[in-house]
Amino acid sequence: MTTPDKSLHLVSPTERPTREQAEEAVRVLLRWAGDDPSREGLRDTPKRVVKAYEEFFVGYDADPEEVLKRTFEETDGYDEMVLLRDIRFESHCEHHMAPIIGRAHVAYLPHRRVVGISKLARVVEMYAKRLQIQEKMTAQIANAIEDALQPEGVAVVIEAAHQCMTTRGVHKPGVTMITSRMLGAFRENAATRREFLAMIGNPATGETALV
């Protein structure tokens, strides 16, 4: 069993600033940028930004363990790969708060228990809707499935574009980052790993970018 993710230090609701404080923080940033938050076009921007942040970071209020808790054992002995491919997600870089837009491929080899496929997509969404780095998100998804299902193996590959390097910094559009997390049979059995990579279209670095 994998160890709990000690890197997540989620703020409890009682420690969060109020909505009014959050809106005032946006006004400060607007003034810092050189604009006037009281002008007509920006007057309601702080409210809109705070509302958008509620959507962007709703994952902090979600519990992946709870979502994966309901599993099914009536599988008639099915023990082949279960794969959910091309799960689109939107996240935000924890270093610059710039968007990360990509897709995830998630697979596992059942060991007596399976979970509803929509739950796999929801787990991806829950971790994506937090400030993230792609490497950590890849490991979090795989570890959550491993802990909940105790399968024969778990595989997660994420392909994403990071706007922190396409719209600022080095300004390199068209670059895709690929990370993967292989556990159990997917790490130990090259044939199983190749089958998974072939089914998702074999990203160029998918077999070697193990985290």
N, C-alpha and C. Protein backbone atom coordinates (compact mmCIF):
# COMPACT_ATOMS: atom_id res chain seq x y z
N MET A 1 0.84 -1.19 0.00
CA MET A 1 0.00 0.00 0.00
C MET A 1 0.88 1.24 0.00
N THR A 2 0.50 2.25 -0.80
CA THR A 2 1.28 3.47 -0.85
C THR A 2 1.04 4.30 0.39
N THR A 3 2.01 5.13 0.72
CA THR A 3 1.88 5.97 1.90
C THR A 3 1.04 7.20 1.57
N PRO A 4 0.34 7.77 2.56
CA PRO A 4 -0.48 8.95 2.30
C PRO A 4 0.37 10.09 1.78
N ASP A 5 -0.25 10.94 0.98
CA ASP A 5 0.44 12.09 0.41
C ASP A 5 0.57 13.17 1.46
N LYS A 6 1.78 13.27 2.03
CA LYS A 6 2.01 14.25 3.10
C LYS A 6 2.25 15.65 2.55
N SER A 7 2.34 15.79 1.22
CA SER A 7 2.65 17.09 0.66
C SER A 7 1.44 18.00 0.57
N LEU A 8 0.24 17.44 0.77
CA LEU A 8 -0.97 18.26 0.67
C LEU A 8 -1.26 18.90 2.02
N HIS A 9 -1.17 20.19 2.07
CA HIS A 9 -1.50 20.90 3.29
C HIS A 9 -2.73 21.75 2.98
N LEU A 10 -3.89 21.14 3.00
CA LEU A 10 -5.11 21.84 2.63
C LEU A 10 -5.54 22.77 3.76
N VAL A 11 -5.93 23.96 3.40
CA VAL A 11 -6.36 24.95 4.38
C VAL A 11 -7.77 24.61 4.81
N SER A 12 -8.01 24.58 6.11
CA SER A 12 -9.37 24.31 6.59
C SER A 12 -10.24 25.54 6.32
N PRO A 13 -11.56 25.31 6.17
CA PRO A 13 -12.46 26.44 5.87
C PRO A 13 -12.37 27.56 6.90
N THR A 14 -12.08 27.25 8.16
CA THR A 14 -12.02 28.29 9.18
C THR A 14 -10.80 29.18 9.01
N GLU A 15 -9.78 28.71 8.28
CA GLU A 15 -8.58 29.50 8.08
C GLU A 15 -8.64 30.33 6.80
N ARG A 16 -9.62 30.10 5.99
CA ARG A 16 -9.70 30.80 4.72
C ARG A 16 -10.11 32.26 4.92
N PRO A 17 -9.57 33.15 4.10
CA PRO A 17 -10.04 34.54 4.14
C PRO A 17 -11.51 34.60 3.73
N THR A 18 -12.17 35.68 4.07
CA THR A 18 -13.55 35.86 3.66
C THR A 18 -13.60 36.21 2.17
N ARG A 19 -14.78 36.10 1.60
CA ARG A 19 -14.96 36.50 0.19
C ARG A 19 -14.58 37.97 0.00
N GLU A 20 -14.96 38.80 0.95
CA GLU A 20 -14.65 40.23 0.85
C GLU A 20 -13.15 40.45 0.85
N GLN A 21 -12.42 39.71 1.69
CA GLN A 21 -10.96 39.84 1.72
C GLN A 21 -10.35 39.37 0.40
N ALA A 22 -10.90 38.30 -0.15
CA ALA A 22 -10.40 37.80 -1.43
C ALA A 22 -10.63 38.82 -2.54
N GLU A 23 -11.80 39.43 -2.55
CA GLU A 23 -12.10 40.44 -3.57
C GLU A 23 -11.18 41.65 -3.42
N GLU A 24 -10.89 42.04 -2.19
CA GLU A 24 -9.99 43.17 -1.97
C GLU A 24 -8.58 42.83 -2.46
N ALA A 25 -8.17 41.57 -2.29
CA ALA A 25 -6.86 41.16 -2.79
C ALA A 25 -6.78 41.31 -4.31
N VAL A 26 -7.87 41.02 -5.01
CA VAL A 26 -7.90 41.19 -6.46
C VAL A 26 -7.77 42.67 -6.80
N ARG A 27 -8.45 43.52 -6.05
CA ARG A 27 -8.34 44.97 -6.30
C ARG A 27 -6.90 45.45 -6.12
N VAL A 28 -6.22 44.91 -5.11
CA VAL A 28 -4.82 45.27 -4.90
C VAL A 28 -3.97 44.87 -6.11
N LEU A 29 -4.19 43.69 -6.63
CA LEU A 29 -3.44 43.24 -7.81
C LEU A 29 -3.73 44.10 -9.02
N LEU A 30 -4.99 44.50 -9.18
CA LEU A 30 -5.34 45.37 -10.31
C LEU A 30 -4.62 46.72 -10.19
N ARG A 31 -4.57 47.25 -8.99
CA ARG A 31 -3.85 48.51 -8.78
C ARG A 31 -2.36 48.32 -9.03
N TRP A 32 -1.82 47.17 -8.56
CA TRP A 32 -0.40 46.87 -8.77
C TRP A 32 -0.08 46.77 -10.26
N ALA A 33 -1.01 46.21 -11.04
CA ALA A 33 -0.81 46.08 -12.49
C ALA A 33 -0.83 47.43 -13.19
N GLY A 34 -1.35 48.46 -12.49
CA GLY A 34 -1.36 49.80 -13.06
C GLY A 34 -2.71 50.28 -13.52
N ASP A 35 -3.77 49.57 -13.15
CA ASP A 35 -5.11 49.96 -13.58
C ASP A 35 -5.93 50.44 -12.39
N ASP A 36 -7.12 50.90 -12.68
CA ASP A 36 -8.01 51.45 -11.66
C ASP A 36 -9.18 50.49 -11.45
N PRO A 37 -9.21 49.76 -10.35
CA PRO A 37 -10.29 48.79 -10.13
C PRO A 37 -11.67 49.42 -9.97
N SER A 38 -11.74 50.74 -9.85
CA SER A 38 -13.04 51.39 -9.70
C SER A 38 -13.64 51.81 -11.04
N ARG A 39 -12.87 51.68 -12.12
CA ARG A 39 -13.45 52.06 -13.42
C ARG A 39 -14.49 51.04 -13.85
N GLU A 40 -15.36 51.45 -14.76
CA GLU A 40 -16.53 50.65 -15.11
C GLU A 40 -16.18 49.22 -15.54
N GLY A 41 -15.18 49.08 -16.38
CA GLY A 41 -14.86 47.76 -16.91
C GLY A 41 -14.30 46.80 -15.88
N LEU A 42 -13.75 47.33 -14.78
CA LEU A 42 -13.14 46.49 -13.76
C LEU A 42 -13.93 46.43 -12.46
N ARG A 43 -15.02 47.18 -12.40
CA ARG A 43 -15.74 47.32 -11.14
C ARG A 43 -16.17 45.97 -10.57
N ASP A 44 -16.64 45.07 -11.42
CA ASP A 44 -17.11 43.76 -10.95
C ASP A 44 -16.08 42.65 -11.14
N THR A 45 -14.89 43.02 -11.60
CA THR A 45 -13.86 42.01 -11.84
C THR A 45 -13.47 41.24 -10.58
N PRO A 46 -13.29 41.89 -9.43
CA PRO A 46 -12.95 41.11 -8.23
C PRO A 46 -13.98 40.02 -7.90
N LYS A 47 -15.26 40.32 -8.05
CA LYS A 47 -16.29 39.31 -7.80
C LYS A 47 -16.18 38.18 -8.82
N ARG A 48 -15.94 38.54 -10.08
CA ARG A 48 -15.84 37.52 -11.12
C ARG A 48 -14.62 36.62 -10.89
N VAL A 49 -13.51 37.21 -10.50
CA VAL A 49 -12.29 36.43 -10.28
C VAL A 49 -12.47 35.46 -9.12
N VAL A 50 -13.06 35.95 -8.03
CA VAL A 50 -13.27 35.07 -6.87
C VAL A 50 -14.22 33.94 -7.23
N LYS A 51 -15.25 34.24 -8.00
CA LYS A 51 -16.18 33.19 -8.42
C LYS A 51 -15.47 32.17 -9.33
N ALA A 52 -14.60 32.68 -10.20
CA ALA A 52 -13.84 31.77 -11.07
C ALA A 52 -12.90 30.89 -10.25
N TYR A 53 -12.28 31.47 -9.21
CA TYR A 53 -11.38 30.69 -8.37
C TYR A 53 -12.13 29.57 -7.65
N GLU A 54 -13.36 29.81 -7.30
CA GLU A 54 -14.16 28.75 -6.67
C GLU A 54 -14.29 27.56 -7.61
N GLU A 55 -14.41 27.84 -8.90
CA GLU A 55 -14.52 26.77 -9.89
C GLU A 55 -13.16 26.14 -10.18
N PHE A 56 -12.14 27.00 -10.33
CA PHE A 56 -10.80 26.49 -10.65
C PHE A 56 -10.27 25.55 -9.57
N PHE A 57 -10.56 25.84 -8.30
CA PHE A 57 -9.93 25.13 -7.20
C PHE A 57 -10.92 24.37 -6.32
N VAL A 58 -12.01 23.91 -6.94
CA VAL A 58 -13.02 23.16 -6.21
C VAL A 58 -12.47 21.83 -5.69
N GLY A 59 -11.34 21.39 -6.23
CA GLY A 59 -10.75 20.12 -5.81
C GLY A 59 -10.30 20.10 -4.36
N TYR A 60 -10.07 21.28 -3.78
CA TYR A 60 -9.66 21.31 -2.37
C TYR A 60 -10.79 20.87 -1.44
N ASP A 61 -12.01 20.95 -1.92
CA ASP A 61 -13.15 20.55 -1.10
C ASP A 61 -13.61 19.13 -1.41
N ALA A 62 -12.86 18.41 -2.25
CA ALA A 62 -13.25 17.06 -2.67
C ALA A 62 -12.32 16.03 -2.05
N ASP A 63 -12.85 14.84 -1.83
CA ASP A 63 -12.10 13.75 -1.21
C ASP A 63 -12.04 12.56 -2.17
N PRO A 64 -10.93 12.36 -2.87
CA PRO A 64 -10.83 11.23 -3.81
C PRO A 64 -11.05 9.88 -3.14
N GLU A 65 -10.62 9.74 -1.90
CA GLU A 65 -10.81 8.46 -1.20
C GLU A 65 -12.29 8.15 -1.05
N GLU A 66 -13.10 9.17 -0.79
CA GLU A 66 -14.54 8.96 -0.65
C GLU A 66 -15.16 8.54 -1.98
N VAL A 67 -14.70 9.14 -3.06
CA VAL A 67 -15.24 8.82 -4.39
C VAL A 67 -14.93 7.38 -4.77
N LEU A 68 -13.74 6.91 -4.43
CA LEU A 68 -13.32 5.56 -4.81
C LEU A 68 -13.75 4.48 -3.82
N LYS A 69 -14.44 4.88 -2.77
CA LYS A 69 -14.77 3.95 -1.70
C LYS A 69 -15.75 2.87 -2.16
N ARG A 70 -16.69 3.21 -3.04
CA ARG A 70 -17.68 2.23 -3.47
C ARG A 70 -17.14 1.43 -4.65
N THR A 71 -16.85 0.16 -4.39
CA THR A 71 -16.33 -0.72 -5.42
C THR A 71 -17.27 -1.91 -5.61
N PHE A 72 -17.02 -2.69 -6.66
CA PHE A 72 -17.87 -3.82 -7.00
C PHE A 72 -17.02 -5.08 -7.16
N GLU A 73 -17.52 -6.18 -6.64
CA GLU A 73 -16.80 -7.45 -6.72
C GLU A 73 -17.44 -8.42 -7.71
N GLU A 74 -18.63 -8.13 -8.19
CA GLU A 74 -19.32 -9.03 -9.12
C GLU A 74 -18.83 -8.75 -10.54
N THR A 75 -17.68 -9.32 -10.88
CA THR A 75 -17.05 -9.09 -12.18
C THR A 75 -16.94 -10.35 -13.03
N ASP A 76 -17.48 -11.49 -12.52
CA ASP A 76 -17.36 -12.76 -13.23
C ASP A 76 -15.91 -13.11 -13.55
N GLY A 77 -15.02 -12.72 -12.65
CA GLY A 77 -13.62 -13.07 -12.82
C GLY A 77 -12.84 -12.20 -13.78
N TYR A 78 -13.41 -11.09 -14.20
CA TYR A 78 -12.69 -10.22 -15.15
C TYR A 78 -11.41 -9.71 -14.52
N ASP A 79 -10.28 -9.94 -15.21
CA ASP A 79 -9.00 -9.52 -14.67
C ASP A 79 -8.11 -8.87 -15.72
N GLU A 80 -8.72 -8.42 -16.83
CA GLU A 80 -7.96 -7.72 -17.86
C GLU A 80 -7.95 -6.22 -17.58
N MET A 81 -7.21 -5.51 -18.39
CA MET A 81 -7.02 -4.09 -18.17
C MET A 81 -8.33 -3.30 -18.28
N VAL A 82 -8.50 -2.35 -17.37
CA VAL A 82 -9.58 -1.37 -17.45
C VAL A 82 -8.91 -0.04 -17.74
N LEU A 83 -9.26 0.58 -18.86
CA LEU A 83 -8.58 1.80 -19.30
C LEU A 83 -9.59 2.89 -19.61
N LEU A 84 -9.34 4.07 -19.08
CA LEU A 84 -10.10 5.26 -19.43
C LEU A 84 -9.10 6.21 -20.09
N ARG A 85 -9.35 6.49 -21.37
CA ARG A 85 -8.39 7.23 -22.17
C ARG A 85 -8.89 8.64 -22.49
N ASP A 86 -7.96 9.57 -22.64
CA ASP A 86 -8.27 10.93 -23.09
C ASP A 86 -9.23 11.66 -22.15
N ILE A 87 -8.92 11.64 -20.85
CA ILE A 87 -9.71 12.40 -19.88
C ILE A 87 -9.19 13.83 -19.90
N ARG A 88 -9.94 14.72 -20.50
CA ARG A 88 -9.47 16.11 -20.58
C ARG A 88 -9.55 16.78 -19.21
N PHE A 89 -8.57 17.59 -18.89
CA PHE A 89 -8.59 18.31 -17.61
C PHE A 89 -8.00 19.70 -17.77
N GLU A 90 -8.35 20.56 -16.85
CA GLU A 90 -7.79 21.90 -16.76
C GLU A 90 -7.30 22.09 -15.34
N SER A 91 -6.05 22.48 -15.20
CA SER A 91 -5.47 22.71 -13.89
C SER A 91 -4.74 24.04 -13.89
N HIS A 92 -4.03 24.32 -12.79
CA HIS A 92 -3.25 25.56 -12.70
C HIS A 92 -1.91 25.27 -12.04
N CYS A 93 -0.87 25.82 -12.62
CA CYS A 93 0.49 25.67 -12.12
C CYS A 93 0.63 26.35 -10.77
N GLU A 94 1.18 25.64 -9.81
CA GLU A 94 1.32 26.21 -8.47
C GLU A 94 2.43 27.25 -8.39
N HIS A 95 3.27 27.34 -9.42
CA HIS A 95 4.36 28.31 -9.40
C HIS A 95 3.94 29.67 -9.96
N HIS A 96 3.10 29.67 -10.98
CA HIS A 96 2.69 30.93 -11.60
C HIS A 96 1.17 31.10 -11.69
N MET A 97 0.43 30.08 -11.24
CA MET A 97 -1.03 30.08 -11.31
C MET A 97 -1.52 30.23 -12.75
N ALA A 98 -0.72 29.75 -13.69
CA ALA A 98 -1.10 29.76 -15.10
C ALA A 98 -1.76 28.44 -15.45
N PRO A 99 -2.65 28.42 -16.44
CA PRO A 99 -3.37 27.19 -16.77
C PRO A 99 -2.47 26.06 -17.27
N ILE A 100 -2.86 24.85 -16.90
CA ILE A 100 -2.30 23.62 -17.45
C ILE A 100 -3.48 22.89 -18.09
N ILE A 101 -3.39 22.64 -19.38
CA ILE A 101 -4.50 22.00 -20.09
C ILE A 101 -3.99 20.73 -20.76
N GLY A 102 -4.66 19.63 -20.46
CA GLY A 102 -4.17 18.38 -21.02
C GLY A 102 -5.17 17.26 -20.94
N ARG A 103 -4.66 16.06 -21.01
CA ARG A 103 -5.50 14.87 -20.95
C ARG A 103 -4.75 13.78 -20.19
N ALA A 104 -5.53 12.98 -19.51
CA ALA A 104 -4.97 11.90 -18.71
C ALA A 104 -5.48 10.56 -19.23
N HIS A 105 -4.63 9.55 -19.12
CA HIS A 105 -4.99 8.17 -19.44
C HIS A 105 -4.77 7.36 -18.17
N VAL A 106 -5.81 6.66 -17.74
CA VAL A 106 -5.76 5.95 -16.47
C VAL A 106 -6.17 4.50 -16.69
N ALA A 107 -5.36 3.57 -16.18
CA ALA A 107 -5.67 2.14 -16.32
C ALA A 107 -5.32 1.40 -15.04
N TYR A 108 -6.02 0.29 -14.82
CA TYR A 108 -5.66 -0.60 -13.72
C TYR A 108 -6.02 -2.03 -14.08
N LEU A 109 -5.35 -2.97 -13.44
CA LEU A 109 -5.63 -4.39 -13.59
C LEU A 109 -6.35 -4.85 -12.33
N PRO A 110 -7.63 -5.20 -12.42
CA PRO A 110 -8.43 -5.51 -11.22
C PRO A 110 -7.89 -6.71 -10.45
N HIS A 111 -8.06 -6.63 -9.17
CA HIS A 111 -7.83 -7.77 -8.29
C HIS A 111 -9.07 -7.91 -7.41
N ARG A 112 -10.06 -8.61 -7.95
CA ARG A 112 -11.35 -8.85 -7.28
C ARG A 112 -12.31 -7.65 -7.34
N ARG A 113 -11.79 -6.42 -7.29
CA ARG A 113 -12.70 -5.28 -7.21
C ARG A 113 -12.51 -4.32 -8.38
N VAL A 114 -13.62 -3.72 -8.82
CA VAL A 114 -13.58 -2.67 -9.83
C VAL A 114 -14.37 -1.48 -9.31
N VAL A 115 -14.21 -0.35 -9.99
CA VAL A 115 -14.91 0.86 -9.60
C VAL A 115 -15.58 1.44 -10.84
N GLY A 116 -16.67 2.17 -10.67
CA GLY A 116 -17.35 2.79 -11.80
C GLY A 116 -16.39 3.70 -12.57
N ILE A 117 -16.44 3.63 -13.90
CA ILE A 117 -15.45 4.36 -14.69
C ILE A 117 -15.55 5.87 -14.52
N SER A 118 -16.74 6.38 -14.24
CA SER A 118 -16.87 7.82 -14.02
C SER A 118 -16.07 8.26 -12.80
N LYS A 119 -15.87 7.34 -11.86
CA LYS A 119 -15.11 7.68 -10.66
C LYS A 119 -13.65 7.95 -11.00
N LEU A 120 -13.11 7.24 -11.99
CA LEU A 120 -11.73 7.49 -12.40
C LEU A 120 -11.60 8.90 -12.96
N ALA A 121 -12.56 9.31 -13.78
CA ALA A 121 -12.53 10.66 -14.33
C ALA A 121 -12.68 11.70 -13.23
N ARG A 122 -13.50 11.40 -12.24
CA ARG A 122 -13.69 12.35 -11.14
C ARG A 122 -12.44 12.51 -10.29
N VAL A 123 -11.70 11.42 -10.12
CA VAL A 123 -10.44 11.51 -9.37
C VAL A 123 -9.44 12.41 -10.10
N VAL A 124 -9.36 12.25 -11.42
CA VAL A 124 -8.50 13.14 -12.20
C VAL A 124 -8.92 14.58 -12.00
N GLU A 125 -10.22 14.84 -12.07
CA GLU A 125 -10.74 16.20 -11.93
C GLU A 125 -10.44 16.77 -10.54
N MET A 126 -10.59 15.94 -9.52
CA MET A 126 -10.37 16.43 -8.15
C MET A 126 -8.94 16.89 -7.92
N TYR A 127 -7.99 16.13 -8.44
CA TYR A 127 -6.60 16.54 -8.27
C TYR A 127 -6.23 17.68 -9.22
N ALA A 128 -6.85 17.71 -10.40
CA ALA A 128 -6.56 18.79 -11.34
C ALA A 128 -7.05 20.13 -10.80
N LYS A 129 -8.17 20.13 -10.09
CA LYS A 129 -8.75 21.38 -9.59
C LYS A 129 -8.08 21.84 -8.29
N ARG A 130 -6.75 21.78 -8.31
CA ARG A 130 -5.93 22.29 -7.22
C ARG A 130 -4.69 22.92 -7.87
N LEU A 131 -4.00 23.76 -7.15
CA LEU A 131 -2.72 24.22 -7.65
C LEU A 131 -1.80 23.01 -7.73
N GLN A 132 -1.14 22.84 -8.88
CA GLN A 132 -0.46 21.57 -9.13
C GLN A 132 0.87 21.74 -9.82
N ILE A 133 1.68 20.69 -9.74
CA ILE A 133 2.71 20.41 -10.73
C ILE A 133 2.33 19.06 -11.33
N GLN A 134 2.63 18.89 -12.59
CA GLN A 134 2.12 17.71 -13.29
C GLN A 134 2.67 16.42 -12.71
N GLU A 135 3.93 16.44 -12.28
CA GLU A 135 4.53 15.22 -11.74
C GLU A 135 3.77 14.75 -10.49
N LYS A 136 3.45 15.68 -9.62
CA LYS A 136 2.75 15.32 -8.38
C LYS A 136 1.33 14.84 -8.69
N MET A 137 0.66 15.53 -9.59
CA MET A 137 -0.70 15.13 -9.94
C MET A 137 -0.74 13.71 -10.50
N THR A 138 0.24 13.36 -11.33
CA THR A 138 0.31 12.02 -11.90
C THR A 138 0.43 10.97 -10.80
N ALA A 139 1.31 11.23 -9.84
CA ALA A 139 1.50 10.29 -8.74
C ALA A 139 0.27 10.23 -7.83
N GLN A 140 -0.36 11.36 -7.58
CA GLN A 140 -1.53 11.39 -6.70
C GLN A 140 -2.67 10.53 -7.25
N ILE A 141 -2.92 10.64 -8.55
CA ILE A 141 -3.99 9.87 -9.17
C ILE A 141 -3.71 8.37 -9.05
N ALA A 142 -2.49 7.98 -9.41
CA ALA A 142 -2.13 6.56 -9.36
C ALA A 142 -2.18 6.03 -7.93
N ASN A 143 -1.67 6.80 -6.99
CA ASN A 143 -1.64 6.34 -5.60
C ASN A 143 -3.04 6.20 -5.02
N ALA A 144 -3.93 7.12 -5.39
CA ALA A 144 -5.31 7.05 -4.88
C ALA A 144 -6.00 5.78 -5.36
N ILE A 145 -5.80 5.43 -6.63
CA ILE A 145 -6.41 4.22 -7.18
C ILE A 145 -5.79 2.97 -6.55
N GLU A 146 -4.49 3.00 -6.37
CA GLU A 146 -3.79 1.88 -5.74
C GLU A 146 -4.31 1.65 -4.33
N ASP A 147 -4.45 2.71 -3.56
CA ASP A 147 -4.90 2.58 -2.18
C ASP A 147 -6.34 2.08 -2.09
N ALA A 148 -7.20 2.56 -2.99
CA ALA A 148 -8.63 2.24 -2.91
C ALA A 148 -8.94 0.83 -3.41
N LEU A 149 -8.31 0.43 -4.51
CA LEU A 149 -8.68 -0.84 -5.16
C LEU A 149 -7.72 -1.98 -4.88
N GLN A 150 -6.49 -1.67 -4.48
CA GLN A 150 -5.47 -2.71 -4.31
C GLN A 150 -5.43 -3.62 -5.55
N PRO A 151 -5.28 -3.05 -6.73
CA PRO A 151 -5.29 -3.84 -7.96
C PRO A 151 -3.94 -4.50 -8.21
N GLU A 152 -3.88 -5.26 -9.30
CA GLU A 152 -2.62 -5.88 -9.69
C GLU A 152 -1.64 -4.84 -10.23
N GLY A 153 -2.16 -3.74 -10.70
CA GLY A 153 -1.30 -2.68 -11.22
C GLY A 153 -2.11 -1.45 -11.57
N VAL A 154 -1.44 -0.31 -11.60
CA VAL A 154 -2.05 0.97 -11.97
C VAL A 154 -1.10 1.69 -12.92
N ALA A 155 -1.67 2.33 -13.94
CA ALA A 155 -0.88 3.12 -14.87
C ALA A 155 -1.58 4.46 -15.12
N VAL A 156 -0.83 5.52 -15.04
CA VAL A 156 -1.35 6.86 -15.33
C VAL A 156 -0.35 7.58 -16.22
N VAL A 157 -0.82 8.09 -17.33
CA VAL A 157 -0.01 8.94 -18.20
C VAL A 157 -0.75 10.25 -18.39
N ILE A 158 -0.05 11.35 -18.23
CA ILE A 158 -0.64 12.67 -18.43
C ILE A 158 0.17 13.42 -19.48
N GLU A 159 -0.56 13.99 -20.45
CA GLU A 159 0.04 14.84 -21.47
C GLU A 159 -0.60 16.22 -21.33
N ALA A 160 0.21 17.27 -21.19
CA ALA A 160 -0.37 18.58 -20.94
C ALA A 160 0.52 19.70 -21.47
N ALA A 161 -0.13 20.81 -21.80
CA ALA A 161 0.56 22.04 -22.18
C ALA A 161 0.49 23.01 -21.00
N HIS A 162 1.61 23.63 -20.70
CA HIS A 162 1.71 24.52 -19.55
C HIS A 162 1.85 25.97 -20.04
N GLN A 163 0.86 26.78 -19.72
CA GLN A 163 0.90 28.16 -20.18
C GLN A 163 1.92 29.01 -19.44
N CYS A 164 2.49 28.46 -18.34
CA CYS A 164 3.56 29.19 -17.66
C CYS A 164 4.82 29.22 -18.52
N MET A 165 4.90 28.36 -19.56
CA MET A 165 6.05 28.42 -20.46
C MET A 165 5.65 28.76 -21.89
N THR A 166 4.34 28.85 -22.16
CA THR A 166 3.93 29.23 -23.52
C THR A 166 3.54 30.70 -23.61
N THR A 167 3.08 31.30 -22.51
CA THR A 167 2.64 32.70 -22.55
C THR A 167 3.56 33.61 -21.75
N ARG A 168 4.58 33.05 -21.12
CA ARG A 168 5.55 33.85 -20.36
C ARG A 168 6.90 33.10 -20.39
N GLY A 169 7.88 33.65 -19.73
CA GLY A 169 9.16 32.96 -19.64
C GLY A 169 9.79 32.69 -21.00
N VAL A 170 9.98 31.40 -21.33
CA VAL A 170 10.66 31.05 -22.58
C VAL A 170 9.76 31.18 -23.81
N HIS A 171 8.44 31.33 -23.61
CA HIS A 171 7.50 31.52 -24.72
C HIS A 171 7.67 30.45 -25.80
N LYS A 172 7.42 29.21 -25.42
CA LYS A 172 7.55 28.09 -26.36
C LYS A 172 6.21 27.39 -26.54
N PRO A 173 5.36 27.89 -27.45
CA PRO A 173 4.07 27.23 -27.68
C PRO A 173 4.25 25.89 -28.38
N GLY A 174 3.25 25.03 -28.22
CA GLY A 174 3.28 23.74 -28.90
C GLY A 174 4.05 22.66 -28.16
N VAL A 175 4.58 22.98 -26.99
CA VAL A 175 5.34 22.00 -26.21
C VAL A 175 4.40 21.23 -25.29
N THR A 176 4.50 19.93 -25.29
CA THR A 176 3.69 19.08 -24.43
C THR A 176 4.58 18.33 -23.44
N MET A 177 4.18 18.34 -22.19
CA MET A 177 4.91 17.60 -21.16
C MET A 177 4.19 16.28 -20.92
N ILE A 178 4.95 15.19 -20.84
CA ILE A 178 4.38 13.86 -20.61
C ILE A 178 5.00 13.28 -19.35
N THR A 179 4.14 12.85 -18.44
CA THR A 179 4.60 12.17 -17.22
C THR A 179 3.82 10.88 -17.06
N SER A 180 4.41 9.94 -16.36
CA SER A 180 3.71 8.67 -16.13
C SER A 180 4.04 8.13 -14.76
N ARG A 181 3.10 7.33 -14.26
CA ARG A 181 3.28 6.63 -12.99
C ARG A 181 2.83 5.20 -13.21
N MET A 182 3.75 4.25 -13.06
CA MET A 182 3.45 2.84 -13.25
C MET A 182 3.63 2.11 -11.93
N LEU A 183 2.62 1.38 -11.52
CA LEU A 183 2.68 0.62 -10.28
C LEU A 183 2.34 -0.85 -10.55
N GLY A 184 2.88 -1.73 -9.73
CA GLY A 184 2.54 -3.15 -9.84
C GLY A 184 2.94 -3.73 -11.18
N ALA A 185 1.99 -4.44 -11.82
CA ALA A 185 2.28 -5.14 -13.07
C ALA A 185 2.73 -4.22 -14.19
N PHE A 186 2.25 -2.98 -14.19
CA PHE A 186 2.64 -2.04 -15.25
C PHE A 186 4.11 -1.64 -15.12
N ARG A 187 4.64 -1.65 -13.92
CA ARG A 187 6.06 -1.35 -13.73
C ARG A 187 6.92 -2.60 -13.91
N GLU A 188 6.42 -3.74 -13.44
CA GLU A 188 7.23 -4.95 -13.40
C GLU A 188 7.18 -5.76 -14.68
N ASN A 189 6.12 -5.62 -15.47
CA ASN A 189 5.93 -6.44 -16.66
C ASN A 189 5.97 -5.56 -17.90
N ALA A 190 7.02 -5.69 -18.68
CA ALA A 190 7.21 -4.85 -19.85
C ALA A 190 6.10 -5.05 -20.88
N ALA A 191 5.60 -6.28 -21.02
CA ALA A 191 4.55 -6.56 -21.99
C ALA A 191 3.26 -5.85 -21.60
N THR A 192 2.93 -5.87 -20.32
CA THR A 192 1.72 -5.18 -19.85
C THR A 192 1.85 -3.68 -20.07
N ARG A 193 3.03 -3.15 -19.79
CA ARG A 193 3.26 -1.72 -19.99
C ARG A 193 3.15 -1.36 -21.47
N ARG A 194 3.72 -2.17 -22.34
CA ARG A 194 3.64 -1.91 -23.78
C ARG A 194 2.21 -1.96 -24.27
N GLU A 195 1.43 -2.91 -23.76
CA GLU A 195 0.01 -3.00 -24.15
C GLU A 195 -0.72 -1.71 -23.79
N PHE A 196 -0.51 -1.23 -22.58
CA PHE A 196 -1.14 0.01 -22.14
C PHE A 196 -0.72 1.18 -23.02
N LEU A 197 0.58 1.32 -23.27
CA LEU A 197 1.06 2.44 -24.07
C LEU A 197 0.54 2.37 -25.50
N ALA A 198 0.42 1.15 -26.04
CA ALA A 198 -0.12 1.00 -27.39
C ALA A 198 -1.59 1.41 -27.44
N MET A 199 -2.33 1.11 -26.40
CA MET A 199 -3.76 1.42 -26.36
C MET A 199 -4.03 2.92 -26.23
N ILE A 200 -3.07 3.66 -25.66
CA ILE A 200 -3.28 5.10 -25.53
C ILE A 200 -2.57 5.89 -26.63
N GLY A 201 -1.94 5.18 -27.57
CA GLY A 201 -1.29 5.86 -28.67
C GLY A 201 0.20 6.03 -28.49
N ASN A 202 0.76 5.40 -27.44
CA ASN A 202 2.20 5.35 -27.21
C ASN A 202 2.87 6.71 -27.24
N PRO A 203 2.59 7.59 -26.25
CA PRO A 203 3.31 8.87 -26.19
C PRO A 203 4.81 8.65 -26.22
N ALA A 204 5.52 9.52 -26.88
CA ALA A 204 6.93 9.30 -27.19
C ALA A 204 7.77 8.96 -25.97
N THR A 205 7.51 9.64 -24.84
CA THR A 205 8.34 9.40 -23.67
C THR A 205 7.60 8.63 -22.59
N GLY A 206 6.42 8.12 -22.92
CA GLY A 206 5.59 7.50 -21.89
C GLY A 206 6.23 6.36 -21.15
N GLU A 207 7.06 5.57 -21.85
CA GLU A 207 7.62 4.37 -21.20
C GLU A 207 8.79 4.69 -20.29
N THR A 208 9.41 5.88 -20.49
CA THR A 208 10.59 6.18 -19.69
C THR A 208 10.37 7.27 -18.66
N ALA A 209 9.27 8.02 -18.76
CA ALA A 209 9.05 9.13 -17.83
C ALA A 209 8.36 8.66 -16.57
N LEU A 210 8.96 7.68 -15.90
CA LEU A 210 8.36 7.12 -14.70
C LEU A 210 8.64 8.04 -13.52
N VAL A 211 7.59 8.34 -12.72
CA VAL A 211 7.78 9.16 -11.53
C VAL A 211 7.41 8.36 -10.31
